[in-house]
Amino acid sequence: MEKEDKRAEGRDESKRRRAESKWIVVARPLCHLKYPVAYLSRLQRILPAAR
């Protein structure tokens, strides 16, 4: 019985982690919409270096 509980806990943990990572992926672009100047200035710093 205890082994089954631990397995279920592990599954819940991995589901929670996946949900958190999806939230991070969604939240990042929203942050750029809220603060576009900071995002654009960061892009401008990265892109000239790539040329």
Protein backbone atom coordinates (compact mmCIF):
# COMPACT_ATOMS: atom_id res chain seq x y z
CA MET A 1 0.00 0.00 0.00
CA GLU A 2 2.78 2.43 0.89
CA LYS A 3 4.59 1.80 -2.41
CA GLU A 4 1.46 2.71 -4.36
CA ASP A 5 1.13 5.97 -2.42
CA LYS A 6 4.73 6.90 -3.18
CA ARG A 7 4.24 6.16 -6.88
CA ALA A 8 1.14 8.36 -6.97
CA GLU A 9 3.05 11.14 -5.20
CA GLY A 10 5.82 10.91 -7.80
CA ARG A 11 3.31 11.19 -10.61
CA ASP A 12 1.68 14.23 -9.00
CA GLU A 13 5.10 15.82 -8.55
CA SER A 14 6.05 15.35 -12.21
CA LYS A 15 2.66 16.72 -13.34
CA ARG A 16 3.17 19.76 -11.11
CA ARG A 17 6.67 20.35 -12.50
CA ARG A 18 5.39 20.12 -16.07
CA ALA A 19 2.60 22.58 -15.28
CA GLU A 20 5.13 24.97 -13.71
CA SER A 21 7.42 24.84 -16.74
CA LYS A 22 4.45 25.48 -19.06
CA TRP A 23 3.50 28.48 -16.91
CA ILE A 24 7.04 29.84 -17.23
CA VAL A 25 6.86 29.51 -21.02
CA VAL A 26 3.51 31.35 -21.05
CA ALA A 27 4.53 34.01 -18.53
CA ARG A 28 7.74 35.02 -20.30
CA PRO A 29 6.09 36.53 -23.40
CA LEU A 30 3.45 38.20 -21.21
CA CYS A 31 6.23 39.87 -19.28
CA HIS A 32 7.68 41.21 -22.55
CA LEU A 33 4.30 42.63 -23.48
CA LYS A 34 4.15 44.41 -20.15
CA TYR A 35 7.73 45.74 -20.40
CA PRO A 36 8.53 45.85 -24.14
CA VAL A 37 11.30 48.46 -23.76
CA ALA A 38 13.41 46.22 -21.55
CA TYR A 39 12.87 43.29 -23.91
CA LEU A 40 13.75 45.28 -27.04
CA SER A 41 16.85 46.79 -25.49
CA ARG A 42 17.99 43.31 -24.53
CA LEU A 43 17.42 42.10 -28.10
CA GLN A 44 19.36 45.06 -29.48
CA ARG A 45 22.27 44.16 -27.21
CA ILE A 46 22.21 40.55 -28.43
CA LEU A 47 21.62 41.09 -32.17
CA PRO A 48 24.48 43.53 -33.00
CA ALA A 49 26.91 41.10 -31.37
CA ALA A 50 25.67 38.35 -33.70
CA ARG A 51 26.54 40.31 -36.87
